[in-house]
Every structure is written in C-alpha cells, then in structure tokens.
N, C-alpha and C. Protein backbone atom coordinates (compact mmCIF):
# COMPACT_ATOMS: atom_id res chain seq x y z
N GLN A 1 21.04 29.78 -8.01
CA GLN A 1 20.36 28.48 -8.84
C GLN A 1 20.40 27.45 -7.82
N ARG A 2 21.57 26.77 -7.18
CA ARG A 2 21.34 25.94 -6.21
C ARG A 2 20.21 26.02 -4.88
N VAL A 3 19.93 27.46 -4.89
CA VAL A 3 18.72 27.34 -3.95
C VAL A 3 17.51 26.87 -4.79
N LEU A 4 17.39 27.36 -6.06
CA LEU A 4 16.22 27.40 -6.60
C LEU A 4 16.17 25.67 -7.05
N ASP A 5 17.12 25.26 -7.28
CA ASP A 5 17.51 23.89 -7.36
C ASP A 5 16.96 22.84 -6.25
N LEU A 6 17.38 23.22 -5.00
CA LEU A 6 16.83 22.75 -3.54
C LEU A 6 15.26 23.00 -3.33
N THR A 7 14.68 24.18 -3.93
CA THR A 7 13.23 24.20 -3.62
C THR A 7 12.54 23.29 -4.59
N LEU A 8 12.93 23.49 -5.86
CA LEU A 8 12.08 22.22 -6.71
C LEU A 8 12.32 21.02 -6.32
N ALA A 9 13.48 20.17 -5.76
CA ALA A 9 13.60 19.36 -5.48
C ALA A 9 12.62 18.96 -4.33
N ARG A 10 12.59 19.70 -3.23
CA ARG A 10 12.06 19.96 -1.93
C ARG A 10 9.96 19.85 -2.62
N ASN A 11 10.18 20.45 -3.39
CA ASN A 11 8.59 21.11 -4.06
C ASN A 11 8.11 19.34 -4.63
N THR A 12 9.19 18.64 -5.31
CA THR A 12 8.86 17.42 -5.79
C THR A 12 8.44 16.17 -4.44
N GLN A 13 9.20 16.68 -3.51
CA GLN A 13 9.17 15.51 -2.31
C GLN A 13 7.96 15.88 -1.78
N ILE A 14 7.33 16.89 -1.86
CA ILE A 14 6.15 17.42 -1.03
C ILE A 14 4.82 17.04 -1.88
N LYS A 15 5.10 17.12 -3.16
CA LYS A 15 4.03 16.87 -3.92
C LYS A 15 4.15 15.13 -4.04
N ARG A 16 5.08 14.47 -4.10
CA ARG A 16 4.68 13.11 -3.89
C ARG A 16 4.58 12.49 -2.71
N ARG A 17 4.86 13.30 -1.34
CA ARG A 17 4.29 12.71 -0.26
C ARG A 17 2.69 13.10 -0.24
N LEU A 18 2.26 14.25 -0.93
CA LEU A 18 0.90 14.50 -0.52
C LEU A 18 0.09 13.54 -1.47
N ALA A 19 0.32 12.85 -2.83
CA ALA A 19 -0.25 12.20 -3.76
C ALA A 19 0.10 11.00 -2.67
N TYR A 20 0.93 10.54 -2.29
CA TYR A 20 0.98 9.09 -1.64
C TYR A 20 -0.20 9.25 -0.42
N LEU A 21 -0.17 10.22 0.41
CA LEU A 21 -0.93 10.34 1.51
C LEU A 21 -2.39 10.44 0.78
N ALA A 22 -2.37 11.07 0.01
CA ALA A 22 -3.95 11.17 -0.51
C ALA A 22 -4.73 9.84 -1.20
N HIS A 23 -3.69 8.97 -2.25
CA HIS A 23 -3.92 7.95 -2.32
C HIS A 23 -4.42 6.66 -1.02
N LYS A 24 -3.65 6.87 -0.06
CA LYS A 24 -3.31 5.87 1.32
C LYS A 24 -5.03 6.27 1.90
N ASN A 25 -5.17 7.74 1.98
CA ASN A 25 -6.51 8.07 2.95
C ASN A 25 -7.89 7.95 2.15
N LEU A 26 -7.39 7.97 0.80
CA LEU A 26 -8.88 7.30 -0.03
C LEU A 26 -9.26 5.66 -0.16
N ALA A 27 -7.84 5.26 -0.26
CA ALA A 27 -7.85 3.58 0.24
C ALA A 27 -8.79 3.46 0.98
N VAL A 28 -8.54 3.96 2.43
CA VAL A 28 -9.12 3.76 3.58
C VAL A 28 -10.50 3.89 3.29
N LEU A 29 -10.80 5.28 2.90
CA LEU A 29 -12.43 5.74 2.76
C LEU A 29 -13.15 4.81 1.85
N HIS A 30 -12.69 4.34 0.90
CA HIS A 30 -13.29 3.48 -0.32
C HIS A 30 -13.50 1.79 0.86
N ARG A 31 -12.38 1.78 1.40
CA ARG A 31 -12.35 0.14 2.33
C ARG A 31 -13.36 0.42 2.87
N ASP A 32 -13.63 1.31 3.66
CA ASP A 32 -14.61 1.41 4.92
C ASP A 32 -15.82 1.47 4.09
N ALA A 33 -16.30 1.92 2.74
CA ALA A 33 -17.55 2.32 2.11
C ALA A 33 -17.82 0.75 1.32
N SER A 34 -16.80 -0.15 1.77
CA SER A 34 -16.80 -1.58 1.00
C SER A 34 -16.86 -1.32 -0.40
N ALA A 35 -16.15 -0.64 -0.81
CA ALA A 35 -15.65 -0.48 -2.28
C ALA A 35 -14.45 -0.72 -2.71
N VAL A 36 -14.46 -2.01 -2.59
CA VAL A 36 -12.88 -2.64 -2.52
C VAL A 36 -12.14 -2.61 -4.06
N ALA A 37 -12.69 -2.26 -4.84
CA ALA A 37 -11.95 -2.40 -6.40
C ALA A 37 -11.73 -0.61 -6.33
N GLU A 38 -12.25 0.20 -5.80
CA GLU A 38 -11.60 1.32 -5.85
C GLU A 38 -10.69 1.77 -4.90
N ALA A 39 -11.12 0.72 -3.51
CA ALA A 39 -9.61 1.14 -2.23
C ALA A 39 -8.44 0.49 -3.11
N THR A 40 -8.48 -1.06 -3.89
CA THR A 40 -7.75 -1.29 -4.30
C THR A 40 -6.61 -0.45 -5.00
N ARG A 41 -7.63 0.04 -6.04
CA ARG A 41 -7.04 0.80 -6.93
C ARG A 41 -5.95 2.34 -6.47
N HIS A 42 -6.61 2.77 -5.43
CA HIS A 42 -5.40 3.85 -4.63
C HIS A 42 -4.53 3.29 -3.84
N CYS A 43 -5.02 2.08 -3.26
CA CYS A 43 -3.88 1.55 -2.27
C CYS A 43 -2.26 1.32 -3.42
N ARG A 44 -2.95 0.63 -4.89
CA ARG A 44 -1.60 0.50 -5.30
C ARG A 44 -1.18 1.77 -6.19
N ALA A 45 -1.71 2.59 -5.93
CA ALA A 45 -1.41 4.09 -6.83
C ALA A 45 -0.70 4.67 -5.58
N ALA A 46 -0.97 4.51 -4.06
CA ALA A 46 0.00 5.22 -2.99
C ALA A 46 1.24 4.35 -3.18
N LEU A 47 1.33 2.84 -3.29
CA LEU A 47 2.37 2.37 -3.59
C LEU A 47 3.45 2.36 -4.59
N LYS A 48 2.90 2.97 -5.46
CA LYS A 48 3.64 2.83 -6.45
C LYS A 48 4.37 4.49 -6.17
N VAL A 49 4.06 5.25 -5.19
CA VAL A 49 4.69 6.46 -5.13
C VAL A 49 5.81 6.30 -3.74
N ASP A 50 5.34 5.26 -3.17
CA ASP A 50 6.11 4.74 -1.84
C ASP A 50 6.04 3.46 -1.41
N PRO A 51 6.77 2.46 -1.85
CA PRO A 51 6.60 1.21 -1.51
C PRO A 51 7.23 0.80 -0.54
N SER A 52 7.64 1.27 0.44
CA SER A 52 7.97 1.11 1.89
C SER A 52 7.03 0.81 2.69
N ASP A 53 6.08 1.21 2.64
CA ASP A 53 4.98 1.44 4.06
C ASP A 53 4.56 -0.28 4.42
N ALA A 54 5.02 -1.33 5.04
CA ALA A 54 4.50 -2.54 4.88
C ALA A 54 2.99 -2.70 5.53
N ALA A 55 2.64 -1.78 6.00
CA ALA A 55 1.19 -1.82 6.48
C ALA A 55 0.36 -1.68 5.31
N LEU A 56 0.68 -0.78 4.72
CA LEU A 56 0.06 -0.63 3.27
C LEU A 56 -0.10 -1.64 2.48
N TRP A 57 1.15 -2.44 2.40
CA TRP A 57 1.20 -3.61 1.65
C TRP A 57 0.33 -4.79 2.27
N TYR A 58 0.24 -4.56 3.61
CA TYR A 58 -1.02 -5.59 3.94
C TYR A 58 -2.64 -5.50 3.87
N GLU A 59 -2.35 -3.85 3.94
CA GLU A 59 -3.86 -3.10 3.39
C GLU A 59 -4.22 -3.92 2.21
N LEU A 60 -3.56 -4.23 1.34
CA LEU A 60 -3.71 -4.16 -0.10
C LEU A 60 -3.63 -5.81 -0.07
N GLY A 61 -2.94 -6.31 0.56
CA GLY A 61 -3.19 -7.76 0.77
C GLY A 61 -4.31 -8.32 1.33
N MET A 62 -5.07 -7.49 2.57
CA MET A 62 -6.43 -7.95 2.52
C MET A 62 -7.61 -7.38 1.96
N LEU A 63 -7.34 -6.23 0.92
CA LEU A 63 -8.38 -6.28 -0.12
C LEU A 63 -8.50 -6.87 -1.18
N LEU A 64 -6.95 -7.84 -1.49
CA LEU A 64 -7.38 -8.63 -2.69
C LEU A 64 -7.65 -10.04 -2.10
N ILE A 65 -7.43 -10.23 -0.56
CA ILE A 65 -8.60 -11.33 -0.31
C ILE A 65 -10.16 -11.05 -0.20
N ALA A 66 -10.13 -9.96 -0.07
CA ALA A 66 -11.81 -9.73 -0.12
C ALA A 66 -12.33 -9.73 -1.48
N ALA A 67 -11.26 -9.37 -2.62
CA ALA A 67 -11.74 -9.61 -4.09
C ALA A 67 -11.65 -10.88 -4.61
N ARG A 68 -11.03 -11.68 -3.62
CA ARG A 68 -11.04 -13.47 -4.00
C ARG A 68 -9.52 -13.36 -5.00
N GLU A 69 -8.82 -12.33 -4.97
CA GLU A 69 -7.58 -12.69 -5.73
C GLU A 69 -6.50 -13.20 -4.80
N LEU A 70 -6.60 -14.36 -4.41
CA LEU A 70 -5.81 -14.74 -3.53
C LEU A 70 -4.32 -14.95 -4.11
N ILE A 71 -3.96 -14.87 -5.12
CA ILE A 71 -2.33 -14.80 -5.79
C ILE A 71 -2.06 -13.64 -5.27
N GLY A 72 -2.85 -12.47 -5.85
CA GLY A 72 -2.21 -10.83 -5.74
C GLY A 72 -1.86 -10.71 -3.99
N ALA A 73 -3.11 -11.32 -3.36
CA ALA A 73 -2.87 -11.28 -1.88
C ALA A 73 -1.60 -11.89 -1.30
N GLN A 74 -0.83 -12.95 -1.90
CA GLN A 74 -0.10 -13.66 -1.26
C GLN A 74 0.99 -12.52 -1.45
N TRP A 75 1.44 -12.24 -2.39
CA TRP A 75 2.27 -11.54 -3.29
C TRP A 75 2.49 -9.89 -2.27
N ALA A 76 1.13 -9.51 -2.18
CA ALA A 76 1.19 -8.45 -1.44
C ALA A 76 1.57 -8.49 0.23
N LEU A 77 1.13 -9.62 0.56
CA LEU A 77 1.69 -9.80 1.73
C LEU A 77 2.82 -10.35 2.21
N ARG A 78 4.03 -10.86 1.10
CA ARG A 78 5.11 -10.94 0.81
C ARG A 78 5.54 -9.72 0.82
N ASP A 79 5.17 -9.17 -0.13
CA ASP A 79 5.90 -7.71 0.05
C ASP A 79 6.38 -7.02 1.26
N ALA A 80 5.22 -7.07 2.21
CA ALA A 80 5.09 -6.11 3.45
C ALA A 80 5.73 -6.89 4.43
N LEU A 81 6.09 -8.40 4.22
CA LEU A 81 7.46 -9.16 5.20
C LEU A 81 8.86 -8.75 4.77
N LYS A 82 8.69 -8.64 3.23
CA LYS A 82 10.04 -8.16 2.74
C LYS A 82 10.40 -6.94 3.34
N ARG A 83 9.32 -5.94 3.49
CA ARG A 83 9.78 -4.57 3.99
C ARG A 83 9.50 -4.25 5.84
N SER A 84 9.30 -5.60 6.24
CA SER A 84 8.91 -5.62 7.74
C SER A 84 8.79 -6.86 8.19
N PRO A 85 9.97 -7.54 8.23
CA PRO A 85 9.76 -9.30 8.62
C PRO A 85 9.27 -9.45 9.84
N LYS A 86 8.80 -8.47 10.70
CA LYS A 86 8.14 -9.08 12.03
C LYS A 86 6.96 -8.62 11.94
N HIS A 87 5.95 -8.04 10.94
CA HIS A 87 5.13 -7.55 10.54
C HIS A 87 4.09 -8.88 10.71
N GLU A 88 3.62 -9.13 11.90
CA GLU A 88 2.93 -10.55 12.33
C GLU A 88 1.53 -10.70 11.65
N LEU A 89 0.57 -9.37 11.26
CA LEU A 89 -0.55 -9.72 10.56
C LEU A 89 -0.21 -10.04 9.44
N SER A 90 0.43 -9.65 8.72
CA SER A 90 0.86 -10.50 7.38
C SER A 90 1.36 -11.73 7.37
N ARG A 91 2.44 -12.18 8.31
CA ARG A 91 2.63 -13.46 8.44
C ARG A 91 1.54 -14.22 8.74
N GLU A 92 0.66 -13.70 9.63
CA GLU A 92 -0.72 -14.86 10.14
C GLU A 92 -1.40 -14.86 8.99
N ARG A 93 -1.44 -13.87 7.54
CA ARG A 93 -2.71 -13.92 6.66
C ARG A 93 -1.97 -14.60 5.65
N LEU A 94 -0.59 -14.70 5.52
CA LEU A 94 -0.03 -15.34 4.40
C LEU A 94 0.20 -16.72 4.89
N VAL A 95 -0.25 -17.19 5.82
CA VAL A 95 0.27 -18.58 6.51
C VAL A 95 -1.23 -19.14 6.13
N GLU A 96 -1.96 -18.56 6.55
CA GLU A 96 -4.05 -18.75 5.99
C GLU A 96 -4.02 -18.99 4.60
N LEU A 97 -3.38 -18.14 4.15
CA LEU A 97 -3.74 -18.00 2.30
C LEU A 97 -2.83 -19.39 1.94
N LEU A 98 -1.79 -19.76 2.30
CA LEU A 98 -0.95 -20.74 2.09
C LEU A 98 -1.31 -22.34 2.44
N TYR A 99 -2.30 -22.09 2.86
CA TYR A 99 -2.82 -23.55 3.76
C TYR A 99 -4.34 -23.66 3.64
N ILE A 100 -4.76 -22.71 2.63
CA ILE A 100 -5.95 -22.65 2.61
C ILE A 100 -6.80 -24.29 1.67
C-alpha cells in the first residue's frame, strides 16, 4: 500500500508539473503570436499550479501592461519581487508603472 501511495503521489506531482509547463509554453507561444489575452490566460493557469516562478509573474506583468491593465500589472510585478527580491526587470517595470 505504501508503494502505491508513493506512486500515486508521484504521478500527481508529475501531472501538476506537466500542466504547469504546458500552460507556461502556451503562454509564450501566444505572446509571440501577439495573442495577449490567450497568453495571459495560460500564464495565470501556470501560476495557479506553481506560483513560485518570479520570471513568470514578470511575464504576466508584461502581458498585462500590453493589455493596458496597469493595476493588475503592478500586482503581478510585486508578486515577482516577493518571490525574488533581486529580480531587476520586475523592479524596473514596477518603478516605471508607479511613476507614469
């Protein structure tokens, strides 16, 4: 039973990781195709699975800037900095947003 439980737990982790990577990659593909709304949707879906990726929070912030959702962009960039206080790109964009 213990082996079965460990296998099921491992499968769940793998499924979560695959879902995260699929959404993250789809976000990049949609962003590159200038489909900002779809890219944003996939970025948020990836962050629901794993909210620890500061670079992905930054990406969400940039997508929200492109969509002119500036308040949401500020929150995303702040979340990036919570996860990685030295993330310079997030800091720079947040300062720019706060002083527009």
